[in-house]
């Protein structure tokens, strides 16, 4: 009898994700170049918009922990808009259901992804800001499970995990052996330059999946 399990319950650690899906982390500079190489320049107008975004976030964050929906409104949605994800040829799906059937056919992993962009090639996982004690790393195992549900395994997929304070990018490929790697953590509290870099990475990923 097939058993349905929530992704958040079944995949709690990186070891869980790697074991269940046969994932291997590739710590090579040549695998995930999109987060540090060939980053596009951003305009002064974009920098001004990012400065406003950061001030708003820090203002609201100063009142205490932020719920997931507030992080989406203050950080994720403005960033996706600036990066061009709301414009052609991209399509947005919010809170999309994800279902992943394991090879043995006896277990189905089910969950909901916060934002799904363009043919399942870019996924966003948003945490509540109260989870900053674990940083964005705490959502990486579940994000990897969502990326493995990509119905186009011949294409690389990218993910962004954020709790507002921190942003982390992921790249995963499924050709032959499933492989993945992570960017460094970008911290919004550190400086304005961190937010500029996040937008540059997002723009670089839009180019990678649209070309």
N, C-alpha and C. Protein backbone atom coordinates (compact mmCIF):
# COMPACT_ATOMS: atom_id res chain seq x y z
N UNK A 1 0.85 -1.20 0.00
CA UNK A 1 0.00 0.00 0.00
C UNK A 1 0.88 1.25 0.00
N UNK A 2 0.60 2.17 -0.91
CA UNK A 2 1.39 3.39 -1.02
C UNK A 2 1.12 4.32 0.15
N UNK A 3 2.18 4.85 0.75
CA UNK A 3 2.08 5.75 1.89
C UNK A 3 2.45 7.16 1.46
N UNK A 4 1.64 8.14 1.82
CA UNK A 4 1.92 9.54 1.51
C UNK A 4 2.48 10.23 2.75
N UNK A 5 3.64 10.87 2.57
CA UNK A 5 4.34 11.51 3.67
C UNK A 5 4.65 12.96 3.29
N UNK A 6 4.52 13.88 4.24
CA UNK A 6 4.88 15.28 3.98
C UNK A 6 6.39 15.39 3.81
N UNK A 7 6.80 16.17 2.82
CA UNK A 7 8.23 16.35 2.56
C UNK A 7 8.95 16.88 3.80
N UNK A 8 8.30 17.79 4.52
CA UNK A 8 8.94 18.38 5.69
C UNK A 8 9.19 17.36 6.79
N UNK A 9 8.39 16.27 6.81
CA UNK A 9 8.58 15.22 7.80
C UNK A 9 9.59 14.18 7.33
N UNK A 10 9.57 13.87 6.05
CA UNK A 10 10.41 12.80 5.52
C UNK A 10 11.85 13.23 5.30
N UNK A 11 12.04 14.50 4.97
CA UNK A 11 13.38 15.01 4.64
C UNK A 11 13.75 16.09 5.65
N UNK A 12 14.46 15.70 6.69
CA UNK A 12 14.80 16.64 7.77
C UNK A 12 16.25 17.10 7.71
N UNK A 13 17.13 16.31 7.11
CA UNK A 13 18.55 16.62 7.08
C UNK A 13 19.10 16.45 5.68
N UNK A 14 20.29 16.97 5.45
CA UNK A 14 20.95 16.76 4.16
C UNK A 14 21.20 15.27 3.91
N UNK A 15 21.53 14.54 4.96
CA UNK A 15 21.75 13.11 4.82
C UNK A 15 20.47 12.41 4.34
N UNK A 16 19.31 12.84 4.88
CA UNK A 16 18.04 12.28 4.43
C UNK A 16 17.86 12.48 2.92
N UNK A 17 18.09 13.71 2.46
CA UNK A 17 17.92 14.03 1.05
C UNK A 17 18.90 13.25 0.18
N UNK A 18 20.14 13.21 0.60
CA UNK A 18 21.16 12.52 -0.20
C UNK A 18 20.90 11.02 -0.26
N UNK A 19 20.45 10.44 0.86
CA UNK A 19 20.20 9.00 0.89
C UNK A 19 18.98 8.62 0.07
N UNK A 20 17.88 9.35 0.25
CA UNK A 20 16.64 9.01 -0.45
C UNK A 20 16.74 9.17 -1.96
N UNK A 21 17.48 10.18 -2.41
CA UNK A 21 17.51 10.48 -3.83
C UNK A 21 18.84 10.14 -4.51
N UNK A 22 19.79 9.59 -3.76
CA UNK A 22 21.10 9.29 -4.33
C UNK A 22 21.85 10.54 -4.73
N UNK A 23 21.58 11.63 -4.03
CA UNK A 23 22.20 12.92 -4.37
C UNK A 23 23.66 12.97 -3.95
N UNK A 24 24.47 13.61 -4.77
CA UNK A 24 25.87 13.85 -4.45
C UNK A 24 26.16 15.34 -4.57
N UNK A 25 26.77 15.90 -3.54
CA UNK A 25 27.16 17.31 -3.62
C UNK A 25 28.47 17.43 -4.39
N UNK A 26 28.46 18.27 -5.41
CA UNK A 26 29.64 18.49 -6.24
C UNK A 26 30.26 19.82 -5.85
N UNK A 27 31.33 19.77 -5.09
CA UNK A 27 31.99 21.00 -4.65
C UNK A 27 33.09 21.38 -5.63
N UNK A 28 32.65 21.70 -6.84
CA UNK A 28 33.56 22.10 -7.90
C UNK A 28 33.17 23.48 -8.38
N UNK A 29 34.15 24.33 -8.62
CA UNK A 29 33.88 25.68 -9.11
C UNK A 29 33.25 25.67 -10.49
N UNK A 30 33.32 24.54 -11.19
CA UNK A 30 32.81 24.48 -12.56
C UNK A 30 31.36 24.03 -12.62
N UNK A 31 30.79 23.57 -11.51
CA UNK A 31 29.42 23.04 -11.53
C UNK A 31 28.37 24.14 -11.39
N UNK A 32 28.52 24.98 -10.39
CA UNK A 32 27.53 26.02 -10.11
C UNK A 32 28.20 27.38 -10.23
N UNK A 33 28.47 27.76 -11.47
CA UNK A 33 29.14 29.04 -11.72
C UNK A 33 28.18 30.22 -11.71
N UNK A 34 26.88 29.92 -11.81
CA UNK A 34 25.88 30.99 -11.96
C UNK A 34 25.81 31.94 -10.77
N UNK A 35 26.30 31.52 -9.61
CA UNK A 35 26.17 32.42 -8.45
C UNK A 35 27.39 33.33 -8.26
N UNK A 36 28.44 33.15 -9.06
CA UNK A 36 29.61 34.00 -8.86
C UNK A 36 30.31 34.43 -10.15
N UNK A 37 29.96 33.84 -11.29
CA UNK A 37 30.69 34.12 -12.53
C UNK A 37 29.77 34.75 -13.57
N UNK A 38 30.27 35.75 -14.27
CA UNK A 38 29.49 36.39 -15.33
C UNK A 38 28.25 37.10 -14.83
N UNK A 39 28.32 37.66 -13.63
CA UNK A 39 27.16 38.34 -13.07
C UNK A 39 26.91 39.66 -13.79
N UNK A 40 25.67 39.93 -14.17
CA UNK A 40 25.38 41.18 -14.88
C UNK A 40 25.47 42.39 -13.96
N UNK A 41 25.77 43.53 -14.55
CA UNK A 41 25.77 44.77 -13.79
C UNK A 41 24.33 45.17 -13.46
N UNK A 42 24.14 45.88 -12.37
CA UNK A 42 22.82 46.41 -12.06
C UNK A 42 22.87 47.93 -12.12
N UNK A 43 21.76 48.53 -12.48
CA UNK A 43 21.72 49.98 -12.71
C UNK A 43 21.61 50.75 -11.39
N UNK A 44 21.84 52.05 -11.47
CA UNK A 44 21.69 52.90 -10.28
C UNK A 44 20.24 52.90 -9.82
N UNK A 45 19.30 52.85 -10.77
CA UNK A 45 17.87 52.81 -10.40
C UNK A 45 17.56 51.52 -9.64
N UNK A 46 18.14 50.42 -10.08
CA UNK A 46 17.93 49.15 -9.38
C UNK A 46 18.55 49.19 -7.99
N UNK A 47 19.72 49.80 -7.87
CA UNK A 47 20.35 49.93 -6.55
C UNK A 47 19.47 50.76 -5.61
N UNK A 48 18.87 51.81 -6.15
CA UNK A 48 17.99 52.64 -5.33
C UNK A 48 16.79 51.83 -4.85
N UNK A 49 16.21 51.03 -5.75
CA UNK A 49 15.08 50.18 -5.37
C UNK A 49 15.49 49.17 -4.31
N UNK A 50 16.68 48.61 -4.43
CA UNK A 50 17.17 47.64 -3.45
C UNK A 50 17.43 48.30 -2.10
N UNK A 51 17.92 49.54 -2.13
CA UNK A 51 18.15 50.27 -0.87
C UNK A 51 16.83 50.48 -0.13
N UNK A 52 15.79 50.83 -0.87
CA UNK A 52 14.46 51.02 -0.27
C UNK A 52 13.96 49.69 0.28
N UNK A 53 14.12 48.62 -0.49
CA UNK A 53 13.70 47.28 -0.05
C UNK A 53 14.36 46.91 1.27
N UNK A 54 15.67 47.15 1.35
CA UNK A 54 16.41 46.78 2.55
C UNK A 54 15.97 47.61 3.75
N UNK A 55 15.77 48.93 3.55
CA UNK A 55 15.32 49.78 4.65
C UNK A 55 13.96 49.34 5.17
N UNK A 56 13.05 49.01 4.27
CA UNK A 56 11.73 48.54 4.67
C UNK A 56 11.83 47.25 5.47
N UNK A 57 12.66 46.33 4.97
CA UNK A 57 12.78 45.05 5.66
C UNK A 57 13.36 45.24 7.06
N UNK A 58 14.42 46.02 7.17
CA UNK A 58 15.04 46.23 8.48
C UNK A 58 14.09 46.94 9.44
N UNK A 59 13.27 47.85 8.89
CA UNK A 59 12.29 48.55 9.73
C UNK A 59 11.29 47.55 10.32
N UNK A 60 10.71 46.71 9.49
CA UNK A 60 9.72 45.75 9.96
C UNK A 60 10.37 44.63 10.77
N UNK A 61 11.58 44.26 10.40
CA UNK A 61 12.29 43.20 11.14
C UNK A 61 12.63 43.67 12.55
N UNK A 62 12.82 44.99 12.70
CA UNK A 62 13.15 45.53 14.01
C UNK A 62 12.03 45.38 15.03
N UNK A 63 10.81 45.13 14.53
CA UNK A 63 9.67 44.93 15.42
C UNK A 63 9.60 43.50 15.94
N UNK A 64 10.43 42.60 15.39
CA UNK A 64 10.41 41.21 15.83
C UNK A 64 10.39 40.25 14.65
N UNK A 65 10.07 38.99 14.95
CA UNK A 65 10.05 37.95 13.92
C UNK A 65 8.97 38.24 12.88
N UNK A 66 9.27 37.91 11.62
CA UNK A 66 8.33 38.12 10.53
C UNK A 66 7.79 36.78 10.03
N UNK A 67 6.51 36.74 9.76
CA UNK A 67 5.91 35.53 9.22
C UNK A 67 6.34 35.34 7.77
N UNK A 68 6.20 34.12 7.34
CA UNK A 68 6.59 33.73 5.99
C UNK A 68 5.98 34.63 4.91
N UNK A 69 4.67 34.93 5.05
CA UNK A 69 4.01 35.77 4.06
C UNK A 69 4.57 37.18 4.02
N UNK A 70 4.98 37.70 5.17
CA UNK A 70 5.56 39.03 5.22
C UNK A 70 6.93 39.05 4.56
N UNK A 71 7.72 38.00 4.78
CA UNK A 71 9.02 37.88 4.11
C UNK A 71 8.83 37.85 2.60
N UNK A 72 7.78 37.15 2.15
CA UNK A 72 7.48 37.09 0.72
C UNK A 72 7.18 38.48 0.17
N UNK A 73 6.36 39.25 0.91
CA UNK A 73 5.96 40.58 0.44
C UNK A 73 7.13 41.57 0.45
N UNK A 74 7.92 41.54 1.52
CA UNK A 74 8.96 42.55 1.70
C UNK A 74 10.24 42.25 0.92
N UNK A 75 10.55 40.97 0.74
CA UNK A 75 11.85 40.61 0.15
C UNK A 75 11.71 39.86 -1.17
N UNK A 76 11.02 38.71 -1.14
CA UNK A 76 11.05 37.81 -2.29
C UNK A 76 10.36 38.40 -3.51
N UNK A 77 9.13 38.87 -3.35
CA UNK A 77 8.39 39.38 -4.50
C UNK A 77 9.08 40.57 -5.17
N UNK A 78 9.56 41.58 -4.42
CA UNK A 78 10.28 42.69 -5.07
C UNK A 78 11.55 42.23 -5.80
N UNK A 79 12.26 41.26 -5.21
CA UNK A 79 13.48 40.76 -5.85
C UNK A 79 13.17 40.04 -7.17
N UNK A 80 12.14 39.19 -7.15
CA UNK A 80 11.76 38.48 -8.37
C UNK A 80 11.32 39.45 -9.45
N UNK A 81 10.61 40.51 -9.05
CA UNK A 81 10.17 41.51 -10.02
C UNK A 81 11.37 42.23 -10.65
N UNK A 82 12.32 42.65 -9.81
CA UNK A 82 13.51 43.34 -10.33
C UNK A 82 14.35 42.44 -11.22
N UNK A 83 14.37 41.15 -10.91
CA UNK A 83 15.18 40.20 -11.70
C UNK A 83 14.52 39.83 -13.02
N UNK A 84 13.25 40.22 -13.20
CA UNK A 84 12.57 39.95 -14.46
C UNK A 84 11.73 38.68 -14.48
N UNK A 85 11.56 38.04 -13.34
CA UNK A 85 10.81 36.79 -13.30
C UNK A 85 9.31 36.97 -13.51
N UNK A 86 8.81 38.20 -13.41
CA UNK A 86 7.38 38.43 -13.61
C UNK A 86 7.05 38.82 -15.06
N UNK A 87 8.06 38.83 -15.91
CA UNK A 87 7.88 39.25 -17.30
C UNK A 87 8.16 38.10 -18.25
N UNK A 88 7.66 38.19 -19.52
CA UNK A 88 7.93 37.14 -20.52
C UNK A 88 9.43 36.92 -20.66
N UNK A 89 9.87 35.65 -20.85
CA UNK A 89 9.05 34.45 -21.09
C UNK A 89 8.68 33.68 -19.83
N UNK A 90 8.85 34.29 -18.66
CA UNK A 90 8.65 33.56 -17.41
C UNK A 90 7.19 33.52 -17.01
N UNK A 91 6.83 32.46 -16.30
CA UNK A 91 5.48 32.29 -15.74
C UNK A 91 5.63 31.97 -14.26
N UNK A 92 4.76 32.55 -13.45
CA UNK A 92 4.81 32.37 -12.00
C UNK A 92 3.65 31.50 -11.53
N UNK A 93 3.95 30.57 -10.64
CA UNK A 93 2.91 29.84 -9.91
C UNK A 93 3.22 29.99 -8.43
N UNK A 94 2.24 30.41 -7.66
CA UNK A 94 2.43 30.58 -6.22
C UNK A 94 1.84 29.39 -5.48
N UNK A 95 2.54 28.96 -4.42
CA UNK A 95 2.09 27.87 -3.57
C UNK A 95 1.66 26.66 -4.40
N UNK A 96 2.57 26.18 -5.23
CA UNK A 96 2.28 25.05 -6.11
C UNK A 96 2.48 23.73 -5.37
N UNK A 97 1.57 22.79 -5.57
CA UNK A 97 1.69 21.47 -4.95
C UNK A 97 2.81 20.68 -5.62
N UNK A 98 3.55 19.94 -4.82
CA UNK A 98 4.64 19.12 -5.32
C UNK A 98 4.43 17.69 -4.83
N UNK A 99 4.54 16.74 -5.75
CA UNK A 99 4.40 15.33 -5.38
C UNK A 99 5.55 14.56 -5.99
N UNK A 100 6.19 13.73 -5.20
CA UNK A 100 7.38 13.02 -5.63
C UNK A 100 7.23 11.55 -5.25
N UNK A 101 7.19 10.66 -6.25
CA UNK A 101 7.06 9.23 -6.01
C UNK A 101 8.45 8.60 -6.00
N UNK A 102 8.79 7.94 -4.91
CA UNK A 102 10.10 7.30 -4.81
C UNK A 102 10.15 6.07 -5.69
N UNK A 103 11.38 5.62 -6.00
CA UNK A 103 11.57 4.54 -6.96
C UNK A 103 10.86 3.25 -6.58
N UNK A 104 10.75 2.97 -5.28
CA UNK A 104 10.13 1.71 -4.88
C UNK A 104 8.61 1.74 -5.01
N UNK A 105 8.04 2.91 -5.33
CA UNK A 105 6.61 3.02 -5.53
C UNK A 105 5.79 2.88 -4.27
N UNK A 106 6.41 2.73 -3.12
CA UNK A 106 5.67 2.50 -1.88
C UNK A 106 5.49 3.78 -1.05
N UNK A 107 6.15 4.85 -1.47
CA UNK A 107 6.06 6.08 -0.69
C UNK A 107 5.96 7.28 -1.62
N UNK A 108 5.05 8.17 -1.31
CA UNK A 108 4.89 9.41 -2.05
C UNK A 108 5.18 10.56 -1.10
N UNK A 109 6.10 11.45 -1.52
CA UNK A 109 6.41 12.64 -0.73
C UNK A 109 5.62 13.81 -1.30
N UNK A 110 4.94 14.53 -0.44
CA UNK A 110 4.08 15.61 -0.90
C UNK A 110 4.35 16.89 -0.12
N UNK A 111 4.31 18.02 -0.80
CA UNK A 111 4.52 19.29 -0.14
C UNK A 111 4.04 20.44 -1.01
N UNK A 112 4.27 21.67 -0.53
CA UNK A 112 3.90 22.85 -1.29
C UNK A 112 5.11 23.77 -1.38
N UNK A 113 5.41 24.17 -2.61
CA UNK A 113 6.52 25.08 -2.85
C UNK A 113 5.95 26.51 -2.89
N UNK A 114 6.68 27.49 -2.37
CA UNK A 114 6.16 28.85 -2.27
C UNK A 114 6.03 29.53 -3.63
N UNK A 115 7.07 29.44 -4.45
CA UNK A 115 7.02 30.04 -5.78
C UNK A 115 7.69 29.10 -6.77
N UNK A 116 7.04 28.89 -7.90
CA UNK A 116 7.58 28.03 -8.95
C UNK A 116 7.62 28.86 -10.23
N UNK A 117 8.78 28.94 -10.87
CA UNK A 117 8.94 29.84 -12.02
C UNK A 117 9.38 29.07 -13.26
N UNK A 118 8.70 29.30 -14.38
CA UNK A 118 9.10 28.85 -15.71
C UNK A 118 9.47 27.38 -15.80
N UNK A 119 8.51 26.56 -16.15
CA UNK A 119 8.75 25.16 -16.46
C UNK A 119 9.54 24.43 -15.37
N UNK A 120 9.22 24.76 -14.13
CA UNK A 120 9.81 24.06 -13.00
C UNK A 120 11.33 24.23 -12.88
N UNK A 121 11.89 25.27 -13.45
CA UNK A 121 13.34 25.43 -13.43
C UNK A 121 13.86 26.36 -12.34
N UNK A 122 12.97 27.08 -11.67
CA UNK A 122 13.42 27.91 -10.55
C UNK A 122 12.39 27.83 -9.45
N UNK A 123 12.84 27.46 -8.24
CA UNK A 123 11.95 27.22 -7.12
C UNK A 123 12.38 28.11 -5.95
N UNK A 124 11.41 28.60 -5.19
CA UNK A 124 11.70 29.46 -4.06
C UNK A 124 11.06 28.87 -2.80
N UNK A 125 11.85 28.73 -1.74
CA UNK A 125 11.35 28.28 -0.45
C UNK A 125 11.53 29.43 0.54
N UNK A 126 10.44 29.83 1.21
CA UNK A 126 10.47 30.95 2.14
C UNK A 126 10.19 30.44 3.55
N UNK A 127 11.03 30.85 4.50
CA UNK A 127 10.87 30.49 5.90
C UNK A 127 10.42 31.69 6.70
N UNK A 128 9.85 31.44 7.86
CA UNK A 128 9.56 32.54 8.77
C UNK A 128 10.86 33.06 9.37
N UNK A 129 10.93 34.36 9.63
CA UNK A 129 12.18 34.94 10.11
C UNK A 129 12.57 34.43 11.49
N UNK A 130 11.62 33.86 12.25
CA UNK A 130 11.98 33.33 13.57
C UNK A 130 12.93 32.15 13.46
N UNK A 131 13.07 31.61 12.24
CA UNK A 131 13.96 30.47 12.06
C UNK A 131 15.38 30.89 11.73
N UNK A 132 15.71 32.15 11.95
CA UNK A 132 17.05 32.63 11.64
C UNK A 132 18.12 31.96 12.49
N UNK A 133 17.74 31.38 13.62
CA UNK A 133 18.73 30.70 14.45
C UNK A 133 19.34 29.52 13.71
N UNK A 134 18.59 28.97 12.75
CA UNK A 134 19.10 27.87 11.94
C UNK A 134 19.56 28.36 10.56
N UNK A 135 19.35 29.66 10.29
CA UNK A 135 19.70 30.25 9.02
C UNK A 135 18.91 29.59 7.89
N UNK A 136 19.19 30.01 6.66
CA UNK A 136 18.50 29.45 5.51
C UNK A 136 18.89 27.99 5.27
N UNK A 137 20.00 27.56 5.86
CA UNK A 137 20.45 26.18 5.67
C UNK A 137 19.40 25.18 6.11
N UNK A 138 18.56 25.54 7.08
CA UNK A 138 17.60 24.59 7.62
C UNK A 138 16.59 24.12 6.59
N UNK A 139 16.38 24.89 5.52
CA UNK A 139 15.39 24.52 4.50
C UNK A 139 16.02 23.83 3.30
N UNK A 140 17.35 23.70 3.27
CA UNK A 140 18.01 23.10 2.11
C UNK A 140 17.56 21.66 1.85
N UNK A 141 17.45 20.80 2.87
CA UNK A 141 17.02 19.41 2.58
C UNK A 141 15.66 19.35 1.88
N UNK A 142 14.68 20.13 2.38
CA UNK A 142 13.38 20.13 1.74
C UNK A 142 13.43 20.74 0.34
N UNK A 143 14.24 21.79 0.17
CA UNK A 143 14.38 22.41 -1.14
C UNK A 143 14.94 21.41 -2.16
N UNK A 144 15.89 20.59 -1.73
CA UNK A 144 16.45 19.58 -2.63
C UNK A 144 15.37 18.57 -3.04
N UNK A 145 14.49 18.22 -2.11
CA UNK A 145 13.39 17.30 -2.44
C UNK A 145 12.47 17.92 -3.49
N UNK A 146 12.16 19.22 -3.33
CA UNK A 146 11.33 19.89 -4.32
C UNK A 146 12.01 19.91 -5.69
N UNK A 147 13.30 20.20 -5.71
CA UNK A 147 14.04 20.26 -6.97
C UNK A 147 14.06 18.90 -7.66
N UNK A 148 14.09 17.82 -6.87
CA UNK A 148 14.08 16.47 -7.45
C UNK A 148 12.74 16.15 -8.11
N UNK A 149 11.69 16.90 -7.77
CA UNK A 149 10.37 16.69 -8.39
C UNK A 149 10.26 17.35 -9.75
N UNK A 150 11.32 17.97 -10.23
CA UNK A 150 11.33 18.61 -11.54
C UNK A 150 10.93 17.60 -12.62
N UNK A 151 9.87 17.86 -13.38
CA UNK A 151 9.44 16.92 -14.42
C UNK A 151 10.30 16.96 -15.68
N UNK A 152 11.30 17.82 -15.71
CA UNK A 152 12.21 17.91 -16.86
C UNK A 152 13.63 17.62 -16.39
N UNK A 153 13.93 16.36 -16.07
CA UNK A 153 15.22 16.03 -15.47
C UNK A 153 16.43 16.26 -16.37
N UNK A 154 16.19 16.52 -17.65
CA UNK A 154 17.31 16.79 -18.55
C UNK A 154 17.82 18.22 -18.43
N UNK A 155 17.11 19.06 -17.69
CA UNK A 155 17.51 20.46 -17.53
C UNK A 155 17.97 20.72 -16.10
N UNK A 156 18.98 21.56 -15.93
CA UNK A 156 19.37 21.95 -14.56
C UNK A 156 18.28 22.79 -13.93
N UNK A 157 18.13 22.67 -12.62
CA UNK A 157 17.15 23.47 -11.90
C UNK A 157 17.85 24.24 -10.80
N UNK A 158 17.25 25.39 -10.43
CA UNK A 158 17.83 26.26 -9.44
C UNK A 158 16.82 26.54 -8.34
N UNK A 159 17.31 26.78 -7.15
CA UNK A 159 16.45 27.11 -6.03
C UNK A 159 16.99 28.29 -5.26
N UNK A 160 16.09 29.00 -4.60
CA UNK A 160 16.47 30.06 -3.68
C UNK A 160 15.75 29.82 -2.36
N UNK A 161 16.50 29.79 -1.28
CA UNK A 161 15.95 29.60 0.05
C UNK A 161 16.21 30.87 0.85
N UNK A 162 15.18 31.38 1.51
CA UNK A 162 15.38 32.59 2.30
C UNK A 162 14.46 32.63 3.51
N UNK A 163 14.94 33.25 4.57
CA UNK A 163 14.09 33.58 5.71
C UNK A 163 14.03 35.11 5.86
N UNK A 164 14.42 35.81 4.80
CA UNK A 164 14.47 37.27 4.84
C UNK A 164 15.85 37.77 5.23
N UNK A 165 16.38 37.28 6.32
CA UNK A 165 17.70 37.69 6.78
C UNK A 165 18.80 37.12 5.88
N UNK A 166 18.64 35.86 5.48
CA UNK A 166 19.65 35.16 4.69
C UNK A 166 19.05 34.65 3.39
N UNK A 167 19.89 34.58 2.36
CA UNK A 167 19.49 34.01 1.07
C UNK A 167 20.56 33.02 0.63
N UNK A 168 20.11 31.86 0.15
CA UNK A 168 21.01 30.80 -0.30
C UNK A 168 20.49 30.27 -1.62
N UNK A 169 21.39 30.03 -2.58
CA UNK A 169 21.01 29.50 -3.88
C UNK A 169 21.48 28.06 -4.03
N UNK A 170 20.72 27.29 -4.81
CA UNK A 170 21.00 25.87 -5.04
C UNK A 170 20.93 25.58 -6.54
N UNK A 171 21.80 24.70 -7.01
CA UNK A 171 21.70 24.17 -8.38
C UNK A 171 21.69 22.66 -8.31
N UNK A 172 20.80 22.03 -9.11
CA UNK A 172 20.70 20.58 -9.12
C UNK A 172 20.55 20.07 -10.54
N UNK A 173 21.25 19.00 -10.86
CA UNK A 173 21.08 18.32 -12.15
C UNK A 173 20.77 16.86 -11.89
N UNK A 174 20.06 16.22 -12.84
CA UNK A 174 19.67 14.83 -12.64
C UNK A 174 20.21 13.90 -13.71
N UNK A 175 21.00 14.37 -14.65
CA UNK A 175 21.56 13.50 -15.68
C UNK A 175 22.46 12.46 -15.03
N UNK A 176 22.20 11.17 -15.33
CA UNK A 176 22.94 10.06 -14.71
C UNK A 176 22.77 10.11 -13.19
N UNK A 177 23.76 10.61 -12.47
CA UNK A 177 23.68 10.70 -11.01
C UNK A 177 23.20 12.09 -10.59
N UNK A 178 22.16 12.17 -9.76
CA UNK A 178 21.70 13.49 -9.28
C UNK A 178 22.82 14.20 -8.51
N UNK A 179 23.08 15.44 -8.88
CA UNK A 179 24.15 16.21 -8.26
C UNK A 179 23.65 17.61 -7.90
N UNK A 180 24.25 18.18 -6.86
CA UNK A 180 23.85 19.53 -6.46
C UNK A 180 25.03 20.25 -5.84
N UNK A 181 24.89 21.57 -5.74
CA UNK A 181 25.83 22.38 -4.98
C UNK A 181 25.11 23.63 -4.50
N UNK A 182 25.73 24.31 -3.56
CA UNK A 182 25.14 25.47 -2.91
C UNK A 182 26.03 26.70 -3.08
N UNK A 183 25.40 27.86 -3.10
CA UNK A 183 26.15 29.11 -3.06
C UNK A 183 26.55 29.39 -1.62
N UNK A 184 27.25 30.49 -1.42
CA UNK A 184 27.44 30.95 -0.05
C UNK A 184 26.14 31.57 0.44
N UNK A 185 26.04 31.83 1.71
CA UNK A 185 24.87 32.50 2.27
C UNK A 185 25.07 34.01 2.13
N UNK A 186 24.07 34.68 1.58
CA UNK A 186 24.06 36.14 1.48
C UNK A 186 23.22 36.69 2.63
N UNK A 187 23.76 37.64 3.38
CA UNK A 187 23.08 38.15 4.57
C UNK A 187 22.66 39.60 4.35
N UNK A 188 21.34 39.86 4.39
CA UNK A 188 20.83 41.20 4.15
C UNK A 188 21.27 42.20 5.20
N UNK A 189 21.51 41.73 6.43
CA UNK A 189 21.90 42.64 7.51
C UNK A 189 23.33 43.17 7.33
N UNK A 190 24.14 42.46 6.59
CA UNK A 190 25.56 42.78 6.50
C UNK A 190 25.81 44.13 5.83
N UNK A 191 25.29 44.29 4.60
CA UNK A 191 25.51 45.54 3.87
C UNK A 191 24.59 45.60 2.66
N UNK A 192 24.50 46.78 2.07
CA UNK A 192 23.70 46.94 0.85
C UNK A 192 24.28 46.10 -0.28
N UNK A 193 25.59 45.94 -0.29
CA UNK A 193 26.24 45.18 -1.37
C UNK A 193 25.76 43.73 -1.43
N UNK A 194 25.40 43.17 -0.26
CA UNK A 194 24.88 41.80 -0.25
C UNK A 194 23.60 41.70 -1.07
N UNK A 195 22.71 42.68 -0.91
CA UNK A 195 21.46 42.67 -1.65
C UNK A 195 21.71 42.91 -3.14
N UNK A 196 22.67 43.78 -3.47
CA UNK A 196 23.03 43.98 -4.87
C UNK A 196 23.49 42.66 -5.49
N UNK A 197 24.30 41.91 -4.74
CA UNK A 197 24.82 40.65 -5.25
C UNK A 197 23.70 39.63 -5.45
N UNK A 198 22.73 39.62 -4.54
CA UNK A 198 21.59 38.70 -4.67
C UNK A 198 20.85 38.96 -5.98
N UNK A 199 20.60 40.23 -6.28
CA UNK A 199 19.91 40.56 -7.52
C UNK A 199 20.75 40.15 -8.73
N UNK A 200 22.05 40.35 -8.66
CA UNK A 200 22.91 39.93 -9.76
C UNK A 200 22.82 38.43 -10.01
N UNK A 201 22.81 37.65 -8.94
CA UNK A 201 22.70 36.19 -9.08
C UNK A 201 21.34 35.83 -9.68
N UNK A 202 20.28 36.46 -9.20
CA UNK A 202 18.96 36.18 -9.76
C UNK A 202 18.90 36.51 -11.25
N UNK A 203 19.47 37.63 -11.64
CA UNK A 203 19.49 37.99 -13.06
C UNK A 203 20.31 36.98 -13.87
N UNK A 204 21.39 36.50 -13.29
CA UNK A 204 22.23 35.50 -13.98
C UNK A 204 21.44 34.19 -14.16
N UNK A 205 20.64 33.82 -13.17
CA UNK A 205 19.84 32.61 -13.27
C UNK A 205 18.73 32.77 -14.30
N UNK A 206 18.13 33.97 -14.37
CA UNK A 206 17.10 34.18 -15.41
C UNK A 206 17.69 33.95 -16.80
N UNK A 207 18.92 34.40 -17.00
CA UNK A 207 19.58 34.20 -18.30
C UNK A 207 19.83 32.70 -18.53
N UNK A 208 20.27 31.99 -17.50
CA UNK A 208 20.61 30.57 -17.63
C UNK A 208 19.39 29.73 -18.01
N UNK A 209 18.23 30.03 -17.42
CA UNK A 209 17.07 29.17 -17.68
C UNK A 209 16.25 29.64 -18.87
N UNK A 210 16.47 30.87 -19.32
CA UNK A 210 15.70 31.37 -20.46
C UNK A 210 16.43 31.14 -21.78
N UNK A 211 17.73 30.88 -21.69
CA UNK A 211 18.52 30.72 -22.94
C UNK A 211 18.46 29.30 -23.45
